């Protein structure tokens, strides 16, 4: 996602980094995984 001030993306990242909400990392990863699989990205990563 794009990161801009005063947006939901800023709220998510700040909650993850500064308010102890580690679960946001897992939540975001699950969304990224879907995107990566659709676009066949990082398939040769070791």
ModelCIF file with pLDDT and N, C-alpha, C, O atoms, coordinates in Angstrom:
data_MODEL
#
_entry.id   MODEL 
#
_entity.id                         1 
_entity.type                       polymer 
_entity.pdbx_number_of_molecules   1 
#
_entity_poly.entity_id                      1 
_entity_poly.type                           'polypeptide(L)' 
_entity_poly.nstd_linkage                   no 
_entity_poly.nstd_monomer                   no 
_entity_poly.pdbx_seq_one_letter_code       
;(UNK)(UNK)(UNK)(UNK)(UNK)(UNK)(UNK)(UNK)(UNK)(UNK)(UNK)(UNK)(UNK)(UNK)(UNK)(UNK)
(UNK)(UNK)(UNK)(UNK)(UNK)(UNK)(UNK)(UNK)(UNK)(UNK)(UNK)(UNK)(UNK)(UNK)(UNK)(UNK)
(UNK)(UNK)(UNK)(UNK)(UNK)(UNK)(UNK)(UNK)(UNK)(UNK)(UNK)(UNK)(UNK)(UNK)
;
_entity_poly.pdbx_seq_one_letter_code_can   XXXXXXXXXXXXXXXXXXXXXXXXXXXXXXXXXXXXXXXXXXXXXX 
_entity_poly.pdbx_strand_id                 A 
#
loop_
_entity_poly_seq.entity_id 
_entity_poly_seq.num 
_entity_poly_seq.mon_id 
_entity_poly_seq.hetero 
1 1  UNK n 
1 2  UNK n 
1 3  UNK n 
1 4  UNK n 
1 5  UNK n 
1 6  UNK n 
1 7  UNK n 
1 8  UNK n 
1 9  UNK n 
1 10 UNK n 
1 11 UNK n 
1 12 UNK n 
1 13 UNK n 
1 14 UNK n 
1 15 UNK n 
1 16 UNK n 
1 17 UNK n 
1 18 UNK n 
1 19 UNK n 
1 20 UNK n 
1 21 UNK n 
1 22 UNK n 
1 23 UNK n 
1 24 UNK n 
1 25 UNK n 
1 26 UNK n 
1 27 UNK n 
1 28 UNK n 
1 29 UNK n 
1 30 UNK n 
1 31 UNK n 
1 32 UNK n 
1 33 UNK n 
1 34 UNK n 
1 35 UNK n 
1 36 UNK n 
1 37 UNK n 
1 38 UNK n 
1 39 UNK n 
1 40 UNK n 
1 41 UNK n 
1 42 UNK n 
1 43 UNK n 
1 44 UNK n 
1 45 UNK n 
1 46 UNK n 
#
_struct_asym.id          A 
_struct_asym.entity_id   1 
#
loop_
_ma_qa_metric.id 
_ma_qa_metric.mode 
_ma_qa_metric.name 
_ma_qa_metric.software_group_id 
_ma_qa_metric.type 
1 global pLDDT . pLDDT 
2 local  pLDDT . pLDDT 
#
_ma_qa_metric_global.metric_id      1 
_ma_qa_metric_global.metric_value   95.04 
_ma_qa_metric_global.model_id       1 
_ma_qa_metric_global.ordinal_id     1 
#
loop_
_ma_qa_metric_local.label_asym_id 
_ma_qa_metric_local.label_comp_id 
_ma_qa_metric_local.label_seq_id 
_ma_qa_metric_local.metric_id 
_ma_qa_metric_local.metric_value 
_ma_qa_metric_local.model_id 
_ma_qa_metric_local.ordinal_id 
A UNK 1  2 96.00 1 1  
A UNK 2  2 96.00 1 2  
A UNK 3  2 97.00 1 3  
A UNK 4  2 95.00 1 4  
A UNK 5  2 94.00 1 5  
A UNK 6  2 95.00 1 6  
A UNK 7  2 96.00 1 7  
A UNK 8  2 96.00 1 8  
A UNK 9  2 96.00 1 9  
A UNK 10 2 97.00 1 10 
A UNK 11 2 97.00 1 11 
A UNK 12 2 97.00 1 12 
A UNK 13 2 97.00 1 13 
A UNK 14 2 97.00 1 14 
A UNK 15 2 97.00 1 15 
A UNK 16 2 97.00 1 16 
A UNK 17 2 95.00 1 17 
A UNK 18 2 94.00 1 18 
A UNK 19 2 95.00 1 19 
A UNK 20 2 94.00 1 20 
A UNK 21 2 96.00 1 21 
A UNK 22 2 95.00 1 22 
A UNK 23 2 96.00 1 23 
A UNK 24 2 97.00 1 24 
A UNK 25 2 97.00 1 25 
A UNK 26 2 97.00 1 26 
A UNK 27 2 97.00 1 27 
A UNK 28 2 97.00 1 28 
A UNK 29 2 97.00 1 29 
A UNK 30 2 95.00 1 30 
A UNK 31 2 94.00 1 31 
A UNK 32 2 95.00 1 32 
A UNK 33 2 94.00 1 33 
A UNK 34 2 91.00 1 34 
A UNK 35 2 89.00 1 35 
A UNK 36 2 89.00 1 36 
A UNK 37 2 89.00 1 37 
A UNK 38 2 91.00 1 38 
A UNK 39 2 92.00 1 39 
A UNK 40 2 92.00 1 40 
A UNK 41 2 94.00 1 41 
A UNK 42 2 96.00 1 42 
A UNK 43 2 94.00 1 43 
A UNK 44 2 96.00 1 44 
A UNK 45 2 97.00 1 45 
A UNK 46 2 97.00 1 46 
#
loop_
_atom_site.group_PDB 
_atom_site.id 
_atom_site.type_symbol 
_atom_site.label_atom_id 
_atom_site.label_alt_id 
_atom_site.label_comp_id 
_atom_site.label_asym_id 
_atom_site.label_entity_id 
_atom_site.label_seq_id 
_atom_site.pdbx_PDB_ins_code 
_atom_site.Cartn_x 
_atom_site.Cartn_y 
_atom_site.Cartn_z 
_atom_site.occupancy 
_atom_site.B_iso_or_equiv 
_atom_site.pdbx_formal_charge 
_atom_site.auth_seq_id 
_atom_site.auth_comp_id 
_atom_site.auth_asym_id 
_atom_site.auth_atom_id 
_atom_site.pdbx_PDB_model_num 
ATOM 1   N N  . UNK A 1 1  ? 0.836  -1.205  0.000   1.00 96.00 ? 1  UNK A N  1 
ATOM 2   C CA . UNK A 1 1  ? 0.000  0.000   0.000   1.00 96.00 ? 1  UNK A CA 1 
ATOM 3   C C  . UNK A 1 1  ? 0.868  1.251   0.000   1.00 96.00 ? 1  UNK A C  1 
ATOM 4   O O  . UNK A 1 1  ? 2.067  1.195   0.274   1.00 96.00 ? 1  UNK A O  1 
ATOM 5   N N  . UNK A 1 2  ? 0.243  2.372   -0.311  1.00 96.00 ? 2  UNK A N  1 
ATOM 6   C CA . UNK A 1 2  ? 0.912  3.661   -0.199  1.00 96.00 ? 2  UNK A CA 1 
ATOM 7   C C  . UNK A 1 2  ? 0.853  4.120   1.250   1.00 96.00 ? 2  UNK A C  1 
ATOM 8   O O  . UNK A 1 2  ? -0.134 3.889   1.949   1.00 96.00 ? 2  UNK A O  1 
ATOM 9   N N  . UNK A 1 3  ? 1.912  4.765   1.687   1.00 97.00 ? 3  UNK A N  1 
ATOM 10  C CA . UNK A 1 3  ? 1.971  5.316   3.035   1.00 97.00 ? 3  UNK A CA 1 
ATOM 11  C C  . UNK A 1 3  ? 1.916  6.836   2.919   1.00 97.00 ? 3  UNK A C  1 
ATOM 12  O O  . UNK A 1 3  ? 2.822  7.466   2.374   1.00 97.00 ? 3  UNK A O  1 
ATOM 13  N N  . UNK A 1 4  ? 0.843  7.405   3.438   1.00 95.00 ? 4  UNK A N  1 
ATOM 14  C CA . UNK A 1 4  ? 0.691  8.862   3.453   1.00 95.00 ? 4  UNK A CA 1 
ATOM 15  C C  . UNK A 1 4  ? 0.217  9.272   4.850   1.00 95.00 ? 4  UNK A C  1 
ATOM 16  O O  . UNK A 1 4  ? -0.448 8.509   5.551   1.00 95.00 ? 4  UNK A O  1 
ATOM 17  N N  . UNK A 1 5  ? 0.577  10.490  5.228   1.00 94.00 ? 5  UNK A N  1 
ATOM 18  C CA . UNK A 1 5  ? 0.153  11.011  6.532   1.00 94.00 ? 5  UNK A CA 1 
ATOM 19  C C  . UNK A 1 5  ? -1.370 11.125  6.597   1.00 94.00 ? 5  UNK A C  1 
ATOM 20  O O  . UNK A 1 5  ? -2.047 11.400  5.605   1.00 94.00 ? 5  UNK A O  1 
ATOM 21  N N  . UNK A 1 6  ? -1.874 10.901  7.808   1.00 95.00 ? 6  UNK A N  1 
ATOM 22  C CA . UNK A 1 6  ? -3.304 11.042  8.106   1.00 95.00 ? 6  UNK A CA 1 
ATOM 23  C C  . UNK A 1 6  ? -4.179 10.132  7.245   1.00 95.00 ? 6  UNK A C  1 
ATOM 24  O O  . UNK A 1 6  ? -5.250 10.538  6.795   1.00 95.00 ? 6  UNK A O  1 
ATOM 25  N N  . UNK A 1 7  ? -3.718 8.898   7.017   1.00 96.00 ? 7  UNK A N  1 
ATOM 26  C CA . UNK A 1 7  ? -4.485 7.915   6.258   1.00 96.00 ? 7  UNK A CA 1 
ATOM 27  C C  . UNK A 1 7  ? -4.559 6.614   7.060   1.00 96.00 ? 7  UNK A C  1 
ATOM 28  O O  . UNK A 1 7  ? -3.829 6.446   8.037   1.00 96.00 ? 7  UNK A O  1 
ATOM 29  N N  . UNK A 1 8  ? -5.436 5.697   6.652   1.00 96.00 ? 8  UNK A N  1 
ATOM 30  C CA . UNK A 1 8  ? -5.473 4.394   7.325   1.00 96.00 ? 8  UNK A CA 1 
ATOM 31  C C  . UNK A 1 8  ? -4.129 3.656   7.277   1.00 96.00 ? 8  UNK A C  1 
ATOM 32  O O  . UNK A 1 8  ? -3.786 2.942   8.220   1.00 96.00 ? 8  UNK A O  1 
ATOM 33  N N  . UNK A 1 9  ? -3.370 3.822   6.193   1.00 96.00 ? 9  UNK A N  1 
ATOM 34  C CA . UNK A 1 9  ? -2.071 3.129   6.123   1.00 96.00 ? 9  UNK A CA 1 
ATOM 35  C C  . UNK A 1 9  ? -1.129 3.633   7.219   1.00 96.00 ? 9  UNK A C  1 
ATOM 36  O O  . UNK A 1 9  ? -0.411 2.838   7.826   1.00 96.00 ? 9  UNK A O  1 
ATOM 37  N N  . UNK A 1 10 ? -1.125 4.926   7.474   1.00 97.00 ? 10 UNK A N  1 
ATOM 38  C CA . UNK A 1 10 ? -0.296 5.454   8.555   1.00 97.00 ? 10 UNK A CA 1 
ATOM 39  C C  . UNK A 1 10 ? -0.767 4.911   9.903   1.00 97.00 ? 10 UNK A C  1 
ATOM 40  O O  . UNK A 1 10 ? 0.051  4.531   10.740  1.00 97.00 ? 10 UNK A O  1 
ATOM 41  N N  . UNK A 1 11 ? -2.064 4.875   10.110  1.00 97.00 ? 11 UNK A N  1 
ATOM 42  C CA . UNK A 1 11 ? -2.607 4.350   11.368  1.00 97.00 ? 11 UNK A CA 1 
ATOM 43  C C  . UNK A 1 11 ? -2.189 2.898   11.580  1.00 97.00 ? 11 UNK A C  1 
ATOM 44  O O  . UNK A 1 11 ? -1.793 2.516   12.682  1.00 97.00 ? 11 UNK A O  1 
ATOM 45  N N  . UNK A 1 12 ? -2.277 2.089   10.523  1.00 97.00 ? 12 UNK A N  1 
ATOM 46  C CA . UNK A 1 12 ? -1.869 0.676   10.626  1.00 97.00 ? 12 UNK A CA 1 
ATOM 47  C C  . UNK A 1 12 ? -0.395 0.533   10.985  1.00 97.00 ? 12 UNK A C  1 
ATOM 48  O O  . UNK A 1 12 ? -0.042 -0.185  11.921  1.00 97.00 ? 12 UNK A O  1 
ATOM 49  N N  . UNK A 1 13 ? 0.459  1.218   10.238  1.00 97.00 ? 13 UNK A N  1 
ATOM 50  C CA . UNK A 1 13 ? 1.907  1.089   10.470  1.00 97.00 ? 13 UNK A CA 1 
ATOM 51  C C  . UNK A 1 13 ? 2.282  1.624   11.852  1.00 97.00 ? 13 UNK A C  1 
ATOM 52  O O  . UNK A 1 13 ? 3.106  1.019   12.537  1.00 97.00 ? 13 UNK A O  1 
ATOM 53  N N  . UNK A 1 14 ? 1.707  2.722   12.266  1.00 97.00 ? 14 UNK A N  1 
ATOM 54  C CA . UNK A 1 14 ? 2.023  3.273   13.590  1.00 97.00 ? 14 UNK A CA 1 
ATOM 55  C C  . UNK A 1 14 ? 1.520  2.367   14.715  1.00 97.00 ? 14 UNK A C  1 
ATOM 56  O O  . UNK A 1 14 ? 2.191  2.219   15.736  1.00 97.00 ? 14 UNK A O  1 
ATOM 57  N N  . UNK A 1 15 ? 0.354  1.765   14.534  1.00 97.00 ? 15 UNK A N  1 
ATOM 58  C CA . UNK A 1 15 ? -0.135 0.816   15.541  1.00 97.00 ? 15 UNK A CA 1 
ATOM 59  C C  . UNK A 1 15 ? 0.810  -0.381  15.643  1.00 97.00 ? 15 UNK A C  1 
ATOM 60  O O  . UNK A 1 15 ? 1.085  -0.872  16.738  1.00 97.00 ? 15 UNK A O  1 
ATOM 61  N N  . UNK A 1 16 ? 1.300  -0.843  14.503  1.00 97.00 ? 16 UNK A N  1 
ATOM 62  C CA . UNK A 1 16 ? 2.251  -1.964  14.477  1.00 97.00 ? 16 UNK A CA 1 
ATOM 63  C C  . UNK A 1 16 ? 3.562  -1.592  15.161  1.00 97.00 ? 16 UNK A C  1 
ATOM 64  O O  . UNK A 1 16 ? 4.066  -2.349  15.990  1.00 97.00 ? 16 UNK A O  1 
ATOM 65  N N  . UNK A 1 17 ? 4.110  -0.440  14.820  1.00 95.00 ? 17 UNK A N  1 
ATOM 66  C CA . UNK A 1 17 ? 5.430  -0.045  15.314  1.00 95.00 ? 17 UNK A CA 1 
ATOM 67  C C  . UNK A 1 17 ? 5.428  0.509   16.733  1.00 95.00 ? 17 UNK A C  1 
ATOM 68  O O  . UNK A 1 17 ? 6.331  0.216   17.515  1.00 95.00 ? 17 UNK A O  1 
ATOM 69  N N  . UNK A 1 18 ? 4.432  1.298   17.064  1.00 94.00 ? 18 UNK A N  1 
ATOM 70  C CA . UNK A 1 18 ? 4.500  2.068   18.311  1.00 94.00 ? 18 UNK A CA 1 
ATOM 71  C C  . UNK A 1 18 ? 3.458  1.709   19.354  1.00 94.00 ? 18 UNK A C  1 
ATOM 72  O O  . UNK A 1 18 ? 3.539  2.178   20.489  1.00 94.00 ? 18 UNK A O  1 
ATOM 73  N N  . UNK A 1 19 ? 2.478  0.885   18.993  1.00 95.00 ? 19 UNK A N  1 
ATOM 74  C CA . UNK A 1 19 ? 1.434  0.559   19.961  1.00 95.00 ? 19 UNK A CA 1 
ATOM 75  C C  . UNK A 1 19 ? 1.324  -0.945  20.236  1.00 95.00 ? 19 UNK A C  1 
ATOM 76  O O  . UNK A 1 19 ? 0.305  -1.421  20.737  1.00 95.00 ? 19 UNK A O  1 
ATOM 77  N N  . UNK A 1 20 ? 2.376  -1.679  19.906  1.00 94.00 ? 20 UNK A N  1 
ATOM 78  C CA . UNK A 1 20 ? 2.445  -3.085  20.277  1.00 94.00 ? 20 UNK A CA 1 
ATOM 79  C C  . UNK A 1 20 ? 1.501  -4.027  19.567  1.00 94.00 ? 20 UNK A C  1 
ATOM 80  O O  . UNK A 1 20 ? 1.275  -5.138  20.047  1.00 94.00 ? 20 UNK A O  1 
ATOM 81  N N  . UNK A 1 21 ? 0.945  -3.627  18.449  1.00 96.00 ? 21 UNK A N  1 
ATOM 82  C CA . UNK A 1 21 ? -0.027 -4.468  17.762  1.00 96.00 ? 21 UNK A CA 1 
ATOM 83  C C  . UNK A 1 21 ? 0.651  -5.310  16.678  1.00 96.00 ? 21 UNK A C  1 
ATOM 84  O O  . UNK A 1 21 ? 0.459  -5.099  15.481  1.00 96.00 ? 21 UNK A O  1 
ATOM 85  N N  . UNK A 1 22 ? 1.450  -6.271  17.146  1.00 95.00 ? 22 UNK A N  1 
ATOM 86  C CA . UNK A 1 22 ? 2.212  -7.144  16.241  1.00 95.00 ? 22 UNK A CA 1 
ATOM 87  C C  . UNK A 1 22 ? 1.339  -7.902  15.254  1.00 95.00 ? 22 UNK A C  1 
ATOM 88  O O  . UNK A 1 22 ? 1.784  -8.208  14.148  1.00 95.00 ? 22 UNK A O  1 
ATOM 89  N N  . UNK A 1 23 ? 0.110  -8.207  15.632  1.00 96.00 ? 23 UNK A N  1 
ATOM 90  C CA . UNK A 1 23 ? -0.788 -8.986  14.770  1.00 96.00 ? 23 UNK A CA 1 
ATOM 91  C C  . UNK A 1 23 ? -1.052 -8.289  13.432  1.00 96.00 ? 23 UNK A C  1 
ATOM 92  O O  . UNK A 1 23 ? -1.433 -8.943  12.461  1.00 96.00 ? 23 UNK A O  1 
ATOM 93  N N  . UNK A 1 24 ? -0.856 -6.989  13.375  1.00 97.00 ? 24 UNK A N  1 
ATOM 94  C CA . UNK A 1 24 ? -1.042 -6.266  12.119  1.00 97.00 ? 24 UNK A CA 1 
ATOM 95  C C  . UNK A 1 24 ? -0.057 -6.782  11.058  1.00 97.00 ? 24 UNK A C  1 
ATOM 96  O O  . UNK A 1 24 ? -0.391 -6.826  9.874   1.00 97.00 ? 24 UNK A O  1 
ATOM 97  N N  . UNK A 1 25 ? 1.148  -7.169  11.479  1.00 97.00 ? 25 UNK A N  1 
ATOM 98  C CA . UNK A 1 25 ? 2.135  -7.726  10.548  1.00 97.00 ? 25 UNK A CA 1 
ATOM 99  C C  . UNK A 1 25 ? 1.622  -8.994  9.880   1.00 97.00 ? 25 UNK A C  1 
ATOM 100 O O  . UNK A 1 25 ? 1.795  -9.178  8.676   1.00 97.00 ? 25 UNK A O  1 
ATOM 101 N N  . UNK A 1 26 ? 0.998  -9.858  10.650  1.00 97.00 ? 26 UNK A N  1 
ATOM 102 C CA . UNK A 1 26 ? 0.416  -11.087 10.104  1.00 97.00 ? 26 UNK A CA 1 
ATOM 103 C C  . UNK A 1 26 ? -0.756 -10.761 9.182   1.00 97.00 ? 26 UNK A C  1 
ATOM 104 O O  . UNK A 1 26 ? -0.878 -11.330 8.098   1.00 97.00 ? 26 UNK A O  1 
ATOM 105 N N  . UNK A 1 27 ? -1.608 -9.852  9.616   1.00 97.00 ? 27 UNK A N  1 
ATOM 106 C CA . UNK A 1 27 ? -2.771 -9.448  8.824   1.00 97.00 ? 27 UNK A CA 1 
ATOM 107 C C  . UNK A 1 27 ? -2.334 -8.897  7.466   1.00 97.00 ? 27 UNK A C  1 
ATOM 108 O O  . UNK A 1 27 ? -2.901 -9.263  6.437   1.00 97.00 ? 27 UNK A O  1 
ATOM 109 N N  . UNK A 1 28 ? -1.330 -8.021  7.459   1.00 97.00 ? 28 UNK A N  1 
ATOM 110 C CA . UNK A 1 28 ? -0.826 -7.465  6.200   1.00 97.00 ? 28 UNK A CA 1 
ATOM 111 C C  . UNK A 1 28 ? -0.177 -8.543  5.336   1.00 97.00 ? 28 UNK A C  1 
ATOM 112 O O  . UNK A 1 28 ? -0.368 -8.566  4.120   1.00 97.00 ? 28 UNK A O  1 
ATOM 113 N N  . UNK A 1 29 ? 0.580  -9.425  5.956   1.00 97.00 ? 29 UNK A N  1 
ATOM 114 C CA . UNK A 1 29 ? 1.258  -10.489 5.194   1.00 97.00 ? 29 UNK A CA 1 
ATOM 115 C C  . UNK A 1 29 ? 0.261  -11.369 4.460   1.00 97.00 ? 29 UNK A C  1 
ATOM 116 O O  . UNK A 1 29 ? 0.503  -11.762 3.319   1.00 97.00 ? 29 UNK A O  1 
ATOM 117 N N  . UNK A 1 30 ? -0.853 -11.680 5.100   1.00 95.00 ? 30 UNK A N  1 
ATOM 118 C CA . UNK A 1 30 ? -1.858 -12.518 4.449   1.00 95.00 ? 30 UNK A CA 1 
ATOM 119 C C  . UNK A 1 30 ? -2.421 -11.851 3.202   1.00 95.00 ? 30 UNK A C  1 
ATOM 120 O O  . UNK A 1 30 ? -2.737 -12.528 2.224   1.00 95.00 ? 30 UNK A O  1 
ATOM 121 N N  . UNK A 1 31 ? -2.545 -10.549 3.231   1.00 94.00 ? 31 UNK A N  1 
ATOM 122 C CA . UNK A 1 31 ? -3.009 -9.826  2.051   1.00 94.00 ? 31 UNK A CA 1 
ATOM 123 C C  . UNK A 1 31 ? -1.939 -9.764  0.969   1.00 94.00 ? 31 UNK A C  1 
ATOM 124 O O  . UNK A 1 31 ? -2.232 -9.873  -0.222  1.00 94.00 ? 31 UNK A O  1 
ATOM 125 N N  . UNK A 1 32 ? -0.712 -9.590  1.399   1.00 95.00 ? 32 UNK A N  1 
ATOM 126 C CA . UNK A 1 32 ? 0.416  -9.545  0.456   1.00 95.00 ? 32 UNK A CA 1 
ATOM 127 C C  . UNK A 1 32 ? 0.588  -10.897 -0.225  1.00 95.00 ? 32 UNK A C  1 
ATOM 128 O O  . UNK A 1 32 ? 0.834  -10.955 -1.430  1.00 95.00 ? 32 UNK A O  1 
ATOM 129 N N  . UNK A 1 33 ? 0.462  -11.974 0.523   1.00 94.00 ? 33 UNK A N  1 
ATOM 130 C CA . UNK A 1 33 ? 0.618  -13.325 -0.027  1.00 94.00 ? 33 UNK A CA 1 
ATOM 131 C C  . UNK A 1 33 ? -0.342 -13.545 -1.194  1.00 94.00 ? 33 UNK A C  1 
ATOM 132 O O  . UNK A 1 33 ? 0.043  -14.098 -2.223  1.00 94.00 ? 33 UNK A O  1 
ATOM 133 N N  . UNK A 1 34 ? -1.568 -13.119 -1.034  1.00 91.00 ? 34 UNK A N  1 
ATOM 134 C CA . UNK A 1 34 ? -2.550 -13.267 -2.111  1.00 91.00 ? 34 UNK A CA 1 
ATOM 135 C C  . UNK A 1 34 ? -2.083 -12.520 -3.363  1.00 91.00 ? 34 UNK A C  1 
ATOM 136 O O  . UNK A 1 34 ? -2.164 -13.053 -4.470  1.00 91.00 ? 34 UNK A O  1 
ATOM 137 N N  . UNK A 1 35 ? -1.606 -11.313 -3.193  1.00 89.00 ? 35 UNK A N  1 
ATOM 138 C CA . UNK A 1 35 ? -1.098 -10.499 -4.299  1.00 89.00 ? 35 UNK A CA 1 
ATOM 139 C C  . UNK A 1 35 ? 0.127  -11.158 -4.954  1.00 89.00 ? 35 UNK A C  1 
ATOM 140 O O  . UNK A 1 35 ? 0.235  -11.199 -6.180  1.00 89.00 ? 35 UNK A O  1 
ATOM 141 N N  . UNK A 1 36 ? 1.033  -11.666 -4.136  1.00 89.00 ? 36 UNK A N  1 
ATOM 142 C CA . UNK A 1 36 ? 2.252  -12.294 -4.663  1.00 89.00 ? 36 UNK A CA 1 
ATOM 143 C C  . UNK A 1 36 ? 1.924  -13.535 -5.487  1.00 89.00 ? 36 UNK A C  1 
ATOM 144 O O  . UNK A 1 36 ? 2.511  -13.760 -6.546  1.00 89.00 ? 36 UNK A O  1 
ATOM 145 N N  . UNK A 1 37 ? 0.990  -14.330 -4.999  1.00 89.00 ? 37 UNK A N  1 
ATOM 146 C CA . UNK A 1 37 ? 0.607  -15.538 -5.719  1.00 89.00 ? 37 UNK A CA 1 
ATOM 147 C C  . UNK A 1 37 ? -0.064 -15.213 -7.043  1.00 89.00 ? 37 UNK A C  1 
ATOM 148 O O  . UNK A 1 37 ? 0.186  -15.883 -8.045  1.00 89.00 ? 37 UNK A O  1 
ATOM 149 N N  . UNK A 1 38 ? -0.908 -14.196 -7.058  1.00 91.00 ? 38 UNK A N  1 
ATOM 150 C CA . UNK A 1 38 ? -1.569 -13.791 -8.304  1.00 91.00 ? 38 UNK A CA 1 
ATOM 151 C C  . UNK A 1 38 ? -0.572 -13.287 -9.338  1.00 91.00 ? 38 UNK A C  1 
ATOM 152 O O  . UNK A 1 38 ? -0.748 -13.511 -10.536 1.00 91.00 ? 38 UNK A O  1 
ATOM 153 N N  . UNK A 1 39 ? 0.479  -12.603 -8.876  1.00 92.00 ? 39 UNK A N  1 
ATOM 154 C CA . UNK A 1 39 ? 1.461  -11.999 -9.778  1.00 92.00 ? 39 UNK A CA 1 
ATOM 155 C C  . UNK A 1 39 ? 2.715  -12.860 -9.966  1.00 92.00 ? 39 UNK A C  1 
ATOM 156 O O  . UNK A 1 39 ? 3.627  -12.469 -10.694 1.00 92.00 ? 39 UNK A O  1 
ATOM 157 N N  . UNK A 1 40 ? 2.765  -14.018 -9.320  1.00 92.00 ? 40 UNK A N  1 
ATOM 158 C CA . UNK A 1 40 ? 3.906  -14.937 -9.404  1.00 92.00 ? 40 UNK A CA 1 
ATOM 159 C C  . UNK A 1 40 ? 5.215  -14.243 -9.038  1.00 92.00 ? 40 UNK A C  1 
ATOM 160 O O  . UNK A 1 40 ? 6.227  -14.406 -9.720  1.00 92.00 ? 40 UNK A O  1 
ATOM 161 N N  . UNK A 1 41 ? 5.185  -13.469 -7.958  1.00 94.00 ? 41 UNK A N  1 
ATOM 162 C CA . UNK A 1 41 ? 6.389  -12.769 -7.506  1.00 94.00 ? 41 UNK A CA 1 
ATOM 163 C C  . UNK A 1 41 ? 7.179  -13.620 -6.518  1.00 94.00 ? 41 UNK A C  1 
ATOM 164 O O  . UNK A 1 41 ? 6.615  -14.419 -5.771  1.00 94.00 ? 41 UNK A O  1 
ATOM 165 N N  . UNK A 1 42 ? 8.466  -13.435 -6.531  1.00 96.00 ? 42 UNK A N  1 
ATOM 166 C CA . UNK A 1 42 ? 9.402  -14.004 -5.558  1.00 96.00 ? 42 UNK A CA 1 
ATOM 167 C C  . UNK A 1 42 ? 9.462  -15.532 -5.567  1.00 96.00 ? 42 UNK A C  1 
ATOM 168 O O  . UNK A 1 42 ? 9.811  -16.143 -4.557  1.00 96.00 ? 42 UNK A O  1 
ATOM 169 N N  . UNK A 1 43 ? 9.130  -16.142 -6.681  1.00 94.00 ? 43 UNK A N  1 
ATOM 170 C CA . UNK A 1 43 ? 9.110  -17.608 -6.745  1.00 94.00 ? 43 UNK A CA 1 
ATOM 171 C C  . UNK A 1 43 ? 10.498 -18.227 -6.681  1.00 94.00 ? 43 UNK A C  1 
ATOM 172 O O  . UNK A 1 43 ? 10.627 -19.395 -6.314  1.00 94.00 ? 43 UNK A O  1 
ATOM 173 N N  . UNK A 1 44 ? 11.544 -17.472 -7.030  1.00 96.00 ? 44 UNK A N  1 
ATOM 174 C CA . UNK A 1 44 ? 12.901 -18.043 -6.993  1.00 96.00 ? 44 UNK A CA 1 
ATOM 175 C C  . UNK A 1 44 ? 13.676 -17.655 -5.735  1.00 96.00 ? 44 UNK A C  1 
ATOM 176 O O  . UNK A 1 44 ? 14.871 -17.935 -5.632  1.00 96.00 ? 44 UNK A O  1 
ATOM 177 N N  . UNK A 1 45 ? 13.010 -17.019 -4.788  1.00 97.00 ? 45 UNK A N  1 
ATOM 178 C CA . UNK A 1 45 ? 13.658 -16.616 -3.539  1.00 97.00 ? 45 UNK A CA 1 
ATOM 179 C C  . UNK A 1 45 ? 14.088 -17.854 -2.759  1.00 97.00 ? 45 UNK A C  1 
ATOM 180 O O  . UNK A 1 45 ? 13.368 -18.851 -2.714  1.00 97.00 ? 45 UNK A O  1 
ATOM 181 N N  . UNK A 1 46 ? 15.276 -17.781 -2.140  1.00 97.00 ? 46 UNK A N  1 
ATOM 182 C CA . UNK A 1 46 ? 15.779 -18.910 -1.348  1.00 97.00 ? 46 UNK A CA 1 
ATOM 183 C C  . UNK A 1 46 ? 15.732 -18.650 0.160   1.00 97.00 ? 46 UNK A C  1 
ATOM 184 O O  . UNK A 1 46 ? 16.123 -19.512 0.947   1.00 97.00 ? 46 UNK A O  1 
#
